[in-house]
Amino acid sequence: MSNVSIVLISHSSKVVEGIKEIITQVNDTVSIGLAGGTDDGKIGTSVEKIQTAIDSVSSDKGVLLVYDLGSAKMNGEMAIELGDLEKVQILEAPILEGAYVAAVEAGMGKDIDAVLKAVEKNF
């Protein structure tokens, strides 16, 4: 059984790596893709990195994108649009707390809409 997957988008690769480390300590059943930093390892975000991360954790139940700052959201939206992706949605919540709650809910086998509602209740 597959679960909803999560892609962490941050201007820093260290941020997404740390958040993934925290989440996998309590839940290792949810696939987490990382899109931190630019393609050349600098601070920023990359549409291509986001698309690659989405592809790497693609799930029939869907993928949630969790971002740190506004331009990361914009690049996430662009990745969805360019990829013509239907089961990929952006989660509006703080990146660490939102991803953590989403991973717990997804780990229970909930569909993408139920995961979104559960996170929205908390934030």
Protein backbone atom coordinates (compact mmCIF):
# COMPACT_ATOMS: atom_id res chain seq x y z
CA MET A 1 0.00 0.00 0.00
CA SER A 2 1.41 3.37 -0.94
CA ASN A 3 1.00 6.53 1.06
CA VAL A 4 0.81 10.18 0.16
CA SER A 5 4.39 11.37 -0.37
CA ILE A 6 5.99 14.65 0.66
CA VAL A 7 8.49 16.93 -1.07
CA LEU A 8 10.33 19.41 1.14
CA ILE A 9 11.27 22.63 -0.66
CA SER A 10 13.72 25.01 0.98
CA HIS A 11 16.29 27.57 0.03
CA SER A 12 18.80 25.42 1.94
CA SER A 13 19.71 21.78 1.36
CA LYS A 14 20.64 21.50 5.04
CA VAL A 15 17.13 22.54 6.10
CA VAL A 16 15.38 19.83 4.08
CA GLU A 17 17.90 17.19 5.14
CA GLY A 18 17.35 18.07 8.82
CA ILE A 19 13.57 18.05 8.52
CA LYS A 20 13.65 14.68 6.78
CA GLU A 21 15.87 13.34 9.57
CA ILE A 22 13.37 14.49 12.21
CA ILE A 23 10.37 13.02 10.37
CA THR A 24 11.97 9.64 9.64
CA GLN A 25 12.73 9.18 13.34
CA VAL A 26 9.00 8.71 13.94
CA ASN A 27 7.75 7.60 10.53
CA ASP A 28 9.70 5.80 7.85
CA THR A 29 6.68 4.67 5.80
CA VAL A 30 6.22 7.96 3.94
CA SER A 31 8.47 8.79 1.01
CA ILE A 32 10.11 12.19 1.38
CA GLY A 33 11.74 13.95 -1.55
CA LEU A 34 14.20 16.77 -1.07
CA ALA A 35 14.48 19.95 -3.11
CA GLY A 36 16.82 22.17 -1.14
CA GLY A 37 19.07 24.83 -2.55
CA THR A 38 19.96 25.54 -6.15
CA ASP A 39 21.40 23.17 -8.74
CA ASP A 40 24.88 24.52 -8.01
CA GLY A 41 24.57 24.11 -4.24
CA LYS A 42 23.80 27.70 -3.34
CA ILE A 43 20.95 29.23 -1.36
CA GLY A 44 17.76 29.37 -3.44
CA THR A 45 15.31 27.01 -5.09
CA SER A 46 15.17 25.20 -8.40
CA VAL A 47 12.13 24.15 -10.42
CA GLU A 48 14.17 21.27 -11.85
CA LYS A 49 15.13 20.02 -8.37
CA ILE A 50 11.48 20.18 -7.33
CA GLN A 51 10.37 18.23 -10.41
CA THR A 52 13.06 15.61 -9.80
CA ALA A 53 12.02 15.29 -6.15
CA ILE A 54 8.36 14.89 -7.14
CA ASP A 55 9.28 12.19 -9.66
CA SER A 56 11.42 10.37 -7.08
CA VAL A 57 8.55 9.99 -4.59
CA SER A 58 5.58 9.88 -6.94
CA SER A 59 2.66 8.02 -5.42
CA ASP A 60 -0.74 6.97 -6.72
CA LYS A 61 -2.16 8.67 -3.60
CA GLY A 62 -0.47 11.97 -4.45
CA VAL A 63 2.38 14.22 -3.38
CA LEU A 64 2.32 17.21 -1.04
CA LEU A 65 4.81 20.02 -1.48
CA VAL A 66 5.86 21.83 1.70
CA TYR A 67 7.92 25.00 1.30
CA ASP A 68 9.83 27.51 3.43
CA LEU A 69 9.47 30.91 1.70
CA GLY A 70 7.33 32.55 -0.99
CA SER A 71 9.67 32.01 -3.93
CA ALA A 72 9.88 28.32 -3.02
CA LYS A 73 6.09 28.18 -3.26
CA MET A 74 6.20 29.94 -6.62
CA ASN A 75 8.74 27.40 -7.95
CA GLY A 76 6.61 24.57 -6.57
CA GLU A 77 3.60 25.94 -8.43
CA MET A 78 5.68 26.22 -11.59
CA ALA A 79 6.89 22.62 -11.23
CA ILE A 80 3.27 21.44 -10.92
CA GLU A 81 2.21 23.49 -13.94
CA LEU A 82 5.14 22.48 -16.16
CA GLY A 83 4.72 18.83 -15.23
CA ASP A 84 0.94 18.94 -15.72
CA LEU A 85 0.63 17.11 -12.42
CA GLU A 86 -2.83 16.35 -11.05
CA LYS A 87 -2.12 14.63 -7.75
CA VAL A 88 0.42 17.14 -6.50
CA GLN A 89 -0.69 19.88 -4.13
CA ILE A 90 0.97 22.58 -2.10
CA LEU A 91 0.58 22.42 1.65
CA GLU A 92 0.06 25.76 3.38
CA ALA A 93 1.73 25.21 6.76
CA PRO A 94 5.08 25.84 8.44
CA ILE A 95 7.60 23.57 6.73
CA LEU A 96 8.72 21.53 9.75
CA GLU A 97 5.44 21.28 11.63
CA GLY A 98 3.34 20.89 8.49
CA ALA A 99 5.54 18.19 7.02
CA TYR A 100 5.64 16.36 10.35
CA VAL A 101 1.85 16.31 10.75
CA ALA A 102 1.41 15.41 7.07
CA ALA A 103 3.82 12.48 7.42
CA VAL A 104 1.98 11.17 10.49
CA GLU A 105 -1.39 11.43 8.72
CA ALA A 106 -0.08 9.99 5.46
CA GLY A 107 1.52 7.13 7.39
CA MET A 108 -1.97 6.14 8.52
CA GLY A 109 -2.89 5.55 4.88
CA LYS A 110 -5.11 8.61 4.50
CA ASP A 111 -5.73 10.07 1.07
CA ILE A 112 -4.32 13.45 0.05
CA ASP A 113 -7.52 15.39 0.89
CA ALA A 114 -7.70 13.89 4.39
CA VAL A 115 -4.02 14.67 5.00
CA LEU A 116 -4.55 18.28 3.86
CA LYS A 117 -7.58 18.68 6.15
CA ALA A 118 -5.72 17.25 9.13
CA VAL A 119 -2.82 19.64 8.64
CA GLU A 120 -5.13 22.62 8.10
CA LYS A 121 -6.83 21.85 11.42
CA ASN A 122 -3.50 22.30 13.18
CA PHE A 123 -2.39 25.49 11.47
